[in-house]
PDB file of N, CA and C in Angstrom:
ATOM      1  N   MET A   1      33.057  61.208  -8.801  1.00  0.00           N
ATOM      2  CA  MET A   1      31.928  61.991  -8.782  1.00  0.00           C
ATOM      3  C   MET A   1      31.368  61.627  -9.997  1.00  0.00           C
ATOM      4  N   LEU A   2      30.070  61.562 -10.313  1.00  0.00           N
ATOM      5  CA  LEU A   2      29.596  61.715 -11.603  1.00  0.00           C
ATOM      6  C   LEU A   2      29.453  62.847 -12.342  1.00  0.00           C
ATOM      7  N   ASP A   3      29.122  62.937 -13.565  1.00  0.00           N
ATOM      8  CA  ASP A   3      29.289  64.385 -14.154  1.00  0.00           C
ATOM      9  C   ASP A   3      28.013  65.031 -14.201  1.00  0.00           C
ATOM     10  N   ARG A   4      26.855  64.188 -13.947  1.00  0.00           N
ATOM     11  CA  ARG A   4      25.532  64.954 -13.546  1.00  0.00           C
ATOM     12  C   ARG A   4      25.745  65.824 -12.265  1.00  0.00           C
ATOM     13  N   ASP A   5      26.224  65.082 -11.208  1.00  0.00           N
ATOM     14  CA  ASP A   5      26.449  65.716  -9.763  1.00  0.00           C
ATOM     15  C   ASP A   5      27.361  66.999  -9.786  1.00  0.00           C
ATOM     16  N   LEU A   6      28.525  66.603 -10.690  1.00  0.00           N
ATOM     17  CA  LEU A   6      29.684  67.890 -10.832  1.00  0.00           C
ATOM     18  C   LEU A   6      29.097  69.032 -11.498  1.00  0.00           C
ATOM     19  N   ALA A   7      28.066  68.984 -12.404  1.00  0.00           N
ATOM     20  CA  ALA A   7      27.626  69.875 -13.168  1.00  0.00           C
ATOM     21  C   ALA A   7      26.414  70.581 -12.413  1.00  0.00           C
ATOM     22  N   ILE A   8      25.911  70.017 -11.533  1.00  0.00           N
ATOM     23  CA  ILE A   8      25.137  70.719 -10.300  1.00  0.00           C
ATOM     24  C   ILE A   8      26.012  71.558  -9.500  1.00  0.00           C
ATOM     25  N   LEU A   9      27.041  70.937  -9.088  1.00  0.00           N
ATOM     26  CA  LEU A   9      28.025  71.361  -8.176  1.00  0.00           C
ATOM     27  C   LEU A   9      28.845  72.653  -8.628  1.00  0.00           C
ATOM     28  N   TYR A  10      29.003  72.664  -9.829  1.00  0.00           N
ATOM     29  CA  TYR A  10      29.758  73.774 -10.754  1.00  0.00           C
ATOM     30  C   TYR A  10      28.719  74.538 -11.423  1.00  0.00           C
ATOM     31  N   GLY A  11      27.175  74.475 -11.384  1.00  0.00           N
ATOM     32  CA  GLY A  11      26.500  75.341 -11.798  1.00  0.00           C
ATOM     33  C   GLY A  11      26.290  75.504 -13.587  1.00  0.00           C
ATOM     34  N   VAL A  12      26.550  74.462 -14.163  1.00  0.00           N
ATOM     35  CA  VAL A  12      26.227  74.165 -15.436  1.00  0.00           C
ATOM     36  C   VAL A  12      25.491  73.087 -15.984  1.00  0.00           C
ATOM     37  N   GLU A  13      24.922  72.993 -17.039  1.00  0.00           N
ATOM     38  CA  GLU A  13      24.363  72.023 -17.339  1.00  0.00           C
ATOM     39  C   GLU A  13      25.309  70.710 -17.932  1.00  0.00           C
ATOM     40  N   THR A  14      24.645  69.484 -17.609  1.00  0.00           N
ATOM     41  CA  THR A  14      25.649  68.250 -17.712  1.00  0.00           C
ATOM     42  C   THR A  14      26.444  68.484 -19.294  1.00  0.00           C
ATOM     43  N   ARG A  15      25.476  68.694 -20.061  1.00  0.00           N
ATOM     44  CA  ARG A  15      25.669  68.698 -21.769  1.00  0.00           C
ATOM     45  C   ARG A  15      27.012  69.812 -21.806  1.00  0.00           C
ATOM     46  N   VAL A  16      26.889  71.049 -21.052  1.00  0.00           N
ATOM     47  CA  VAL A  16      28.121  71.839 -21.334  1.00  0.00           C
ATOM     48  C   VAL A  16      29.259  71.341 -20.472  1.00  0.00           C
ATOM     49  N   LEU A  17      29.190  70.567 -19.409  1.00  0.00           N
ATOM     50  CA  LEU A  17      30.169  69.904 -18.804  1.00  0.00           C
ATOM     51  C   LEU A  17      30.986  69.029 -19.726  1.00  0.00           C
ATOM     52  N   VAL A  18      30.134  68.207 -20.540  1.00  0.00           N
ATOM     53  CA  VAL A  18      30.654  66.900 -21.324  1.00  0.00           C
ATOM     54  C   VAL A  18      31.398  67.649 -22.373  1.00  0.00           C
ATOM     55  N   GLN A  19      30.665  68.804 -23.029  1.00  0.00           N
ATOM     56  CA  GLN A  19      31.294  69.616 -23.813  1.00  0.00           C
ATOM     57  C   GLN A  19      32.642  70.135 -23.744  1.00  0.00           C
ATOM     58  N   ALA A  20      33.045  70.838 -22.422  1.00  0.00           N
ATOM     59  CA  ALA A  20      34.180  71.245 -22.137  1.00  0.00           C
ATOM     60  C   ALA A  20      35.314  70.266 -22.141  1.00  0.00           C
ATOM     61  N   ILE A  21      34.885  69.116 -21.462  1.00  0.00           N
ATOM     62  CA  ILE A  21      35.707  67.678 -21.454  1.00  0.00           C
ATOM     63  C   ILE A  21      36.080  67.169 -22.973  1.00  0.00           C
ATOM     64  N   LYS A  22      35.175  67.332 -23.472  1.00  0.00           N
ATOM     65  CA  LYS A  22      35.634  66.900 -25.137  1.00  0.00           C
ATOM     66  C   LYS A  22      36.584  67.584 -25.774  1.00  0.00           C
ATOM     67  N   ARG A  23      36.451  69.069 -25.733  1.00  0.00           N
ATOM     68  CA  ARG A  23      37.276  70.250 -26.144  1.00  0.00           C
ATOM     69  C   ARG A  23      38.526  70.023 -25.399  1.00  0.00           C
ATOM     70  N   ASN A  24      39.082  69.618 -24.540  1.00  0.00           N
ATOM     71  CA  ASN A  24      40.091  69.710 -23.514  1.00  0.00           C
ATOM     72  C   ASN A  24      40.299  68.135 -22.968  1.00  0.00           C
ATOM     73  N   ILE A  25      40.269  67.186 -24.103  1.00  0.00           N
ATOM     74  CA  ILE A  25      40.107  65.699 -23.808  1.00  0.00           C
ATOM     75  C   ILE A  25      41.722  65.315 -23.127  1.00  0.00           C
ATOM     76  N   LYS A  26      42.695  66.050 -23.558  1.00  0.00           N
ATOM     77  CA  LYS A  26      44.189  65.619 -23.551  1.00  0.00           C
ATOM     78  C   LYS A  26      44.309  66.036 -22.198  1.00  0.00           C
ATOM     79  N   ARG A  27      43.611  66.872 -21.541  1.00  0.00           N
ATOM     80  CA  ARG A  27      43.717  67.065 -19.968  1.00  0.00           C
ATOM     81  C   ARG A  27      43.249  66.179 -19.247  1.00  0.00           C
ATOM     82  N   PHE A  28      42.355  65.083 -19.616  1.00  0.00           N
ATOM     83  CA  PHE A  28      41.876  63.966 -18.900  1.00  0.00           C
ATOM     84  C   PHE A  28      42.268  62.789 -19.111  1.00  0.00           C
ATOM     85  N   PRO A  29      43.393  62.378 -18.508  1.00  0.00           N
ATOM     86  CA  PRO A  29      43.983  60.833 -18.751  1.00  0.00           C
ATOM     87  C   PRO A  29      42.887  59.862 -17.963  1.00  0.00           C
ATOM     88  N   ASP A  30      43.017  58.553 -18.202  1.00  0.00           N
ATOM     89  CA  ASP A  30      42.352  57.835 -17.662  1.00  0.00           C
ATOM     90  C   ASP A  30      42.193  57.835 -16.185  1.00  0.00           C
ATOM     91  N   GLU A  31      43.228  58.508 -15.373  1.00  0.00           N
ATOM     92  CA  GLU A  31      43.517  58.174 -14.141  1.00  0.00           C
ATOM     93  C   GLU A  31      42.507  59.323 -13.416  1.00  0.00           C
ATOM     94  N   PHE A  32      42.062  60.364 -14.436  1.00  0.00           N
ATOM     95  CA  PHE A  32      41.324  61.398 -14.032  1.00  0.00           C
ATOM     96  C   PHE A  32      39.739  61.333 -14.134  1.00  0.00           C
ATOM     97  N   MET A  33      39.337  60.537 -15.106  1.00  0.00           N
ATOM     98  CA  MET A  33      38.048  60.133 -15.508  1.00  0.00           C
ATOM     99  C   MET A  33      37.915  58.962 -16.311  1.00  0.00           C
ATOM    100  N   PHE A  34      36.560  58.584 -16.259  1.00  0.00           N
ATOM    101  CA  PHE A  34      36.311  57.218 -17.235  1.00  0.00           C
ATOM    102  C   PHE A  34      34.906  57.349 -17.328  1.00  0.00           C
ATOM    103  N   GLN A  35      34.601  56.762 -18.395  1.00  0.00           N
ATOM    104  CA  GLN A  35      32.995  56.733 -18.614  1.00  0.00           C
ATOM    105  C   GLN A  35      32.590  55.055 -18.293  1.00  0.00           C
ATOM    106  N   LEU A  36      31.588  54.928 -17.295  1.00  0.00           N
ATOM    107  CA  LEU A  36      30.998  54.026 -17.009  1.00  0.00           C
ATOM    108  C   LEU A  36      30.454  53.060 -18.227  1.00  0.00           C
ATOM    109  N   ASN A  37      30.834  51.745 -17.793  1.00  0.00           N
ATOM    110  CA  ASN A  37      30.578  50.888 -18.932  1.00  0.00           C
ATOM    111  C   ASN A  37      29.137  50.157 -18.713  1.00  0.00           C
ATOM    112  N   LYS A  38      28.645  49.524 -19.473  1.00  0.00           N
ATOM    113  CA  LYS A  38      27.358  49.048 -19.155  1.00  0.00           C
ATOM    114  C   LYS A  38      26.799  48.388 -17.989  1.00  0.00           C
ATOM    115  N   LYS A  39      27.831  47.398 -17.695  1.00  0.00           N
ATOM    116  CA  LYS A  39      27.639  46.736 -16.091  1.00  0.00           C
ATOM    117  C   LYS A  39      27.522  47.941 -15.064  1.00  0.00           C
ATOM    118  N   GLU A  40      28.675  48.788 -15.090  1.00  0.00           N
ATOM    119  CA  GLU A  40      28.824  49.535 -13.831  1.00  0.00           C
ATOM    120  C   GLU A  40      27.583  50.499 -13.949  1.00  0.00           C
ATOM    121  N   LEU A  41      27.096  50.947 -14.979  1.00  0.00           N
ATOM    122  CA  LEU A  41      25.779  51.645 -15.092  1.00  0.00           C
ATOM    123  C   LEU A  41      24.586  50.949 -14.665  1.00  0.00           C
ATOM    124  N   GLU A  42      24.765  49.784 -14.952  1.00  0.00           N
ATOM    125  CA  GLU A  42      23.273  49.108 -14.498  1.00  0.00           C
ATOM    126  C   GLU A  42      23.454  48.563 -12.979  1.00  0.00           C
ATOM    127  N   ASN A  43      24.811  48.396 -12.304  1.00  0.00           N
ATOM    128  CA  ASN A  43      24.785  48.294 -10.770  1.00  0.00           C
ATOM    129  C   ASN A  43      24.626  49.625 -10.165  1.00  0.00           C
ATOM    130  N   TRP A  44      25.013  50.649 -10.998  1.00  0.00           N
ATOM    131  CA  TRP A  44      24.572  52.367 -10.311  1.00  0.00           C
ATOM    132  C   TRP A  44      23.207  52.416 -10.111  1.00  0.00           C
ATOM    133  N   LYS A  45      22.445  52.109 -11.217  1.00  0.00           N
ATOM    134  CA  LYS A  45      21.089  52.174 -11.429  1.00  0.00           C
ATOM    135  C   LYS A  45      20.187  51.294 -10.561  1.00  0.00           C
ATOM    136  N   SER A  46      20.736  50.080 -10.076  1.00  0.00           N
ATOM    137  CA  SER A  46      19.998  49.342  -9.107  1.00  0.00           C
ATOM    138  C   SER A  46      20.044  49.770  -7.693  1.00  0.00           C
ATOM    139  N   GLN A  47      21.103  50.495  -7.422  1.00  0.00           N
ATOM    140  CA  GLN A  47      21.340  51.060  -6.113  1.00  0.00           C
ATOM    141  C   GLN A  47      20.377  52.312  -5.735  1.00  0.00           C
ATOM    142  N   ILE A  48      19.499  52.797  -6.800  1.00  0.00           N
ATOM    143  CA  ILE A  48      18.700  54.028  -6.886  1.00  0.00           C
ATOM    144  C   ILE A  48      17.382  53.613  -7.120  1.00  0.00           C
ATOM    145  N   VAL A  49      16.359  53.955  -5.751  1.00  0.00           N
ATOM    146  CA  VAL A  49      15.278  53.710  -5.834  1.00  0.00           C
ATOM    147  C   VAL A  49      14.247  54.937  -6.241  1.00  0.00           C
ATOM    148  N   ILE A  50      13.821  54.852  -7.506  1.00  0.00           N
ATOM    149  CA  ILE A  50      13.136  56.093  -8.217  1.00  0.00           C
ATOM    150  C   ILE A  50      12.153  55.607  -9.030  1.00  0.00           C
ATOM    151  N   SER A  51      10.866  56.022  -9.235  1.00  0.00           N
ATOM    152  CA  SER A  51      10.001  55.773 -10.060  1.00  0.00           C
ATOM    153  C   SER A  51      10.418  55.430 -11.417  1.00  0.00           C
ATOM    154  N   ASN A  52      11.413  55.765 -12.224  1.00  0.00           N
ATOM    155  CA  ASN A  52      11.689  55.478 -13.410  1.00  0.00           C
ATOM    156  C   ASN A  52      13.326  55.105 -13.580  1.00  0.00           C
ATOM    157  N   SER A  53      13.472  54.101 -12.785  1.00  0.00           N
ATOM    158  CA  SER A  53      14.765  53.571 -13.041  1.00  0.00           C
ATOM    159  C   SER A  53      15.559  52.990 -14.163  1.00  0.00           C
ATOM    160  N   ILE A  54      14.428  52.774 -14.959  1.00  0.00           N
ATOM    161  CA  ILE A  54      15.168  52.304 -16.480  1.00  0.00           C
ATOM    162  C   ILE A  54      15.794  53.623 -17.047  1.00  0.00           C
ATOM    163  N   ARG A  55      15.497  54.630 -17.507  1.00  0.00           N
ATOM    164  CA  ARG A  55      16.415  55.485 -17.906  1.00  0.00           C
ATOM    165  C   ARG A  55      16.860  56.582 -16.984  1.00  0.00           C
ATOM    166  N   MET A  56      16.173  56.958 -15.899  1.00  0.00           N
ATOM    167  CA  MET A  56      16.848  58.033 -15.062  1.00  0.00           C
ATOM    168  C   MET A  56      17.220  59.127 -15.556  1.00  0.00           C
ATOM    169  N   GLY A  57      16.708  59.728 -16.684  1.00  0.00           N
ATOM    170  CA  GLY A  57      17.016  60.989 -17.159  1.00  0.00           C
ATOM    171  C   GLY A  57      18.270  60.809 -18.391  1.00  0.00           C
ATOM    172  N   LEU A  58      18.929  59.547 -18.360  1.00  0.00           N
ATOM    173  CA  LEU A  58      20.162  59.516 -18.864  1.00  0.00           C
ATOM    174  C   LEU A  58      19.992  58.986 -20.420  1.00  0.00           C
ATOM    175  N   ARG A  59      20.841  59.700 -21.655  1.00  0.00           N
ATOM    176  CA  ARG A  59      20.792  59.515 -22.824  1.00  0.00           C
ATOM    177  C   ARG A  59      22.057  58.438 -23.040  1.00  0.00           C
ATOM    178  N   LYS A  60      22.997  58.970 -22.156  1.00  0.00           N
ATOM    179  CA  LYS A  60      24.456  58.337 -22.554  1.00  0.00           C
ATOM    180  C   LYS A  60      24.940  58.132 -21.364  1.00  0.00           C
ATOM    181  N   ARG A  61      25.960  57.273 -21.272  1.00  0.00           N
ATOM    182  CA  ARG A  61      26.532  56.351 -20.052  1.00  0.00           C
ATOM    183  C   ARG A  61      27.422  58.004 -19.120  1.00  0.00           C
ATOM    184  N   PRO A  62      27.235  57.819 -18.176  1.00  0.00           N
ATOM    185  CA  PRO A  62      27.797  59.163 -17.461  1.00  0.00           C
ATOM    186  C   PRO A  62      29.336  58.946 -17.249  1.00  0.00           C
ATOM    187  N   TYR A  63      30.031  60.239 -17.236  1.00  0.00           N
ATOM    188  CA  TYR A  63      31.709  60.047 -16.644  1.00  0.00           C
ATOM    189  C   TYR A  63      31.683  59.888 -15.208  1.00  0.00           C
ATOM    190  N   ALA A  64      32.934  59.279 -14.761  1.00  0.00           N
ATOM    191  CA  ALA A  64      33.164  59.309 -13.496  1.00  0.00           C
ATOM    192  C   ALA A  64      34.288  59.921 -13.238  1.00  0.00           C
ATOM    193  N   PHE A  65      34.419  60.871 -12.134  1.00  0.00           N
ATOM    194  CA  PHE A  65      35.699  61.653 -12.007  1.00  0.00           C
ATOM    195  C   PHE A  65      36.419  61.378 -10.734  1.00  0.00           C
ATOM    196  N   THR A  66      37.791  61.152 -10.888  1.00  0.00           N
ATOM    197  CA  THR A  66      38.634  61.087  -9.520  1.00  0.00           C
ATOM    198  C   THR A  66      38.794  62.545  -8.974  1.00  0.00           C
ATOM    199  N   GLU A  67      39.418  62.511  -7.856  1.00  0.00           N
ATOM    200  CA  GLU A  67      39.774  63.915  -7.422  1.00  0.00           C
ATOM    201  C   GLU A  67      40.638  64.820  -8.449  1.00  0.00           C
ATOM    202  N   HIS A  68      41.297  64.187  -8.908  1.00  0.00           N
ATOM    203  CA  HIS A  68      42.315  64.973  -9.977  1.00  0.00           C
ATOM    204  C   HIS A  68      41.273  65.611 -11.242  1.00  0.00           C
ATOM    205  N   GLY A  69      40.582  64.648 -11.422  1.00  0.00           N
ATOM    206  CA  GLY A  69      39.590  65.114 -12.595  1.00  0.00           C
ATOM    207  C   GLY A  69      38.616  66.374 -12.020  1.00  0.00           C
ATOM    208  N   VAL A  70      38.177  65.947 -10.860  1.00  0.00           N
ATOM    209  CA  VAL A  70      37.178  66.934 -10.568  1.00  0.00           C
ATOM    210  C   VAL A  70      37.861  68.295 -10.419  1.00  0.00           C
ATOM    211  N   LEU A  71      39.146  68.545  -9.985  1.00  0.00           N
ATOM    212  CA  LEU A  71      40.221  69.868 -10.013  1.00  0.00           C
ATOM    213  C   LEU A  71      40.292  70.148 -11.412  1.00  0.00           C
ATOM    214  N   MET A  72      40.473  69.127 -12.473  1.00  0.00           N
ATOM    215  CA  MET A  72      40.932  69.381 -13.516  1.00  0.00           C
ATOM    216  C   MET A  72      39.596  70.392 -14.366  1.00  0.00           C
ATOM    217  N   LEU A  73      38.330  70.034 -13.957  1.00  0.00           N
ATOM    218  CA  LEU A  73      37.128  70.226 -14.341  1.00  0.00           C
ATOM    219  C   LEU A  73      37.087  71.960 -14.134  1.00  0.00           C
ATOM    220  N   SER A  74      37.426  72.328 -13.185  1.00  0.00           N
ATOM    221  CA  SER A  74      37.316  73.612 -12.233  1.00  0.00           C
ATOM    222  C   SER A  74      38.126  74.353 -13.053  1.00  0.00           C
ATOM    223  N   SER A  75      39.265  73.922 -13.830  1.00  0.00           N
ATOM    224  CA  SER A  75      39.980  74.887 -14.557  1.00  0.00           C
ATOM    225  C   SER A  75      39.815  74.983 -16.081  1.00  0.00           C
ATOM    226  N   ILE A  76      38.686  74.322 -16.589  1.00  0.00           N
ATOM    227  CA  ILE A  76      38.445  74.482 -17.844  1.00  0.00           C
ATOM    228  C   ILE A  76      36.965  75.028 -17.670  1.00  0.00           C
ATOM    229  N   LEU A  77      36.090  75.020 -16.977  1.00  0.00           N
ATOM    230  CA  LEU A  77      34.728  75.453 -16.791  1.00  0.00           C
ATOM    231  C   LEU A  77      34.682  76.726 -16.809  1.00  0.00           C
ATOM    232  N   ASN A  78      33.843  77.782 -17.403  1.00  0.00           N
ATOM    233  CA  ASN A  78      33.587  78.851 -17.131  1.00  0.00           C
ATOM    234  C   ASN A  78      32.403  79.530 -16.485  1.00  0.00           C
ATOM    235  N   SER A  79      32.127  79.002 -15.299  1.00  0.00           N
ATOM    236  CA  SER A  79      31.457  79.152 -14.225  1.00  0.00           C
ATOM    237  C   SER A  79      31.729  79.951 -13.081  1.00  0.00           C
ATOM    238  N   GLU A  80      31.028  80.511 -12.561  1.00  0.00           N
ATOM    239  CA  GLU A  80      31.370  81.536 -11.514  1.00  0.00           C
ATOM    240  C   GLU A  80      31.794  80.552 -10.219  1.00  0.00           C
ATOM    241  N   ARG A  81      30.988  79.423 -10.330  1.00  0.00           N
ATOM    242  CA  ARG A  81      31.621  78.209  -9.068  1.00  0.00           C
ATOM    243  C   ARG A  81      32.945  77.813  -9.472  1.00  0.00           C
ATOM    244  N   ALA A  82      33.083  77.383 -10.701  1.00  0.00           N
ATOM    245  CA  ALA A  82      34.314  76.689 -11.045  1.00  0.00           C
ATOM    246  C   ALA A  82      35.531  77.635 -10.625  1.00  0.00           C
ATOM    247  N   ILE A  83      35.247  78.995 -10.683  1.00  0.00           N
ATOM    248  CA  ILE A  83      36.271  79.923 -10.848  1.00  0.00           C
ATOM    249  C   ILE A  83      36.600  79.937  -9.329  1.00  0.00           C
ATOM    250  N   GLN A  84      35.538  79.964  -8.613  1.00  0.00           N
ATOM    251  CA  GLN A  84      35.811  79.981  -7.044  1.00  0.00           C
ATOM    252  C   GLN A  84      36.487  78.837  -6.372  1.00  0.00           C
ATOM    253  N   VAL A  85      36.274  77.713  -7.247  1.00  0.00           N
ATOM    254  CA  VAL A  85      36.983  76.149  -6.532  1.00  0.00           C
ATOM    255  C   VAL A  85      38.578  76.394  -6.961  1.00  0.00           C
ATOM    256  N   GLN A  86      38.820  76.867  -8.245  1.00  0.00           N
ATOM    257  CA  GLN A  86      40.234  77.046  -8.391  1.00  0.00           C
ATOM    258  C   GLN A  86      40.984  77.573  -7.210  1.00  0.00           C
TER     259      GLN A  86
END
């Protein structure tokens, strides 16, 4: 899942989610998450048909999470939804 989707799921802003990851980066090895490279980002954007597909509200390349990464996020976020997921 992408960081923006998980932010919605956990009831936090994407920037808050990314800040929490950066503060706890040792908990997220490569098997838990990775940041989309330029080619992956272009491929992802090409799959979505919206009026502004150039930017899509993105300032930075999104992070993608494996199942383990999603679970780790629930342990570091301080939202009501994240607490329920634990």
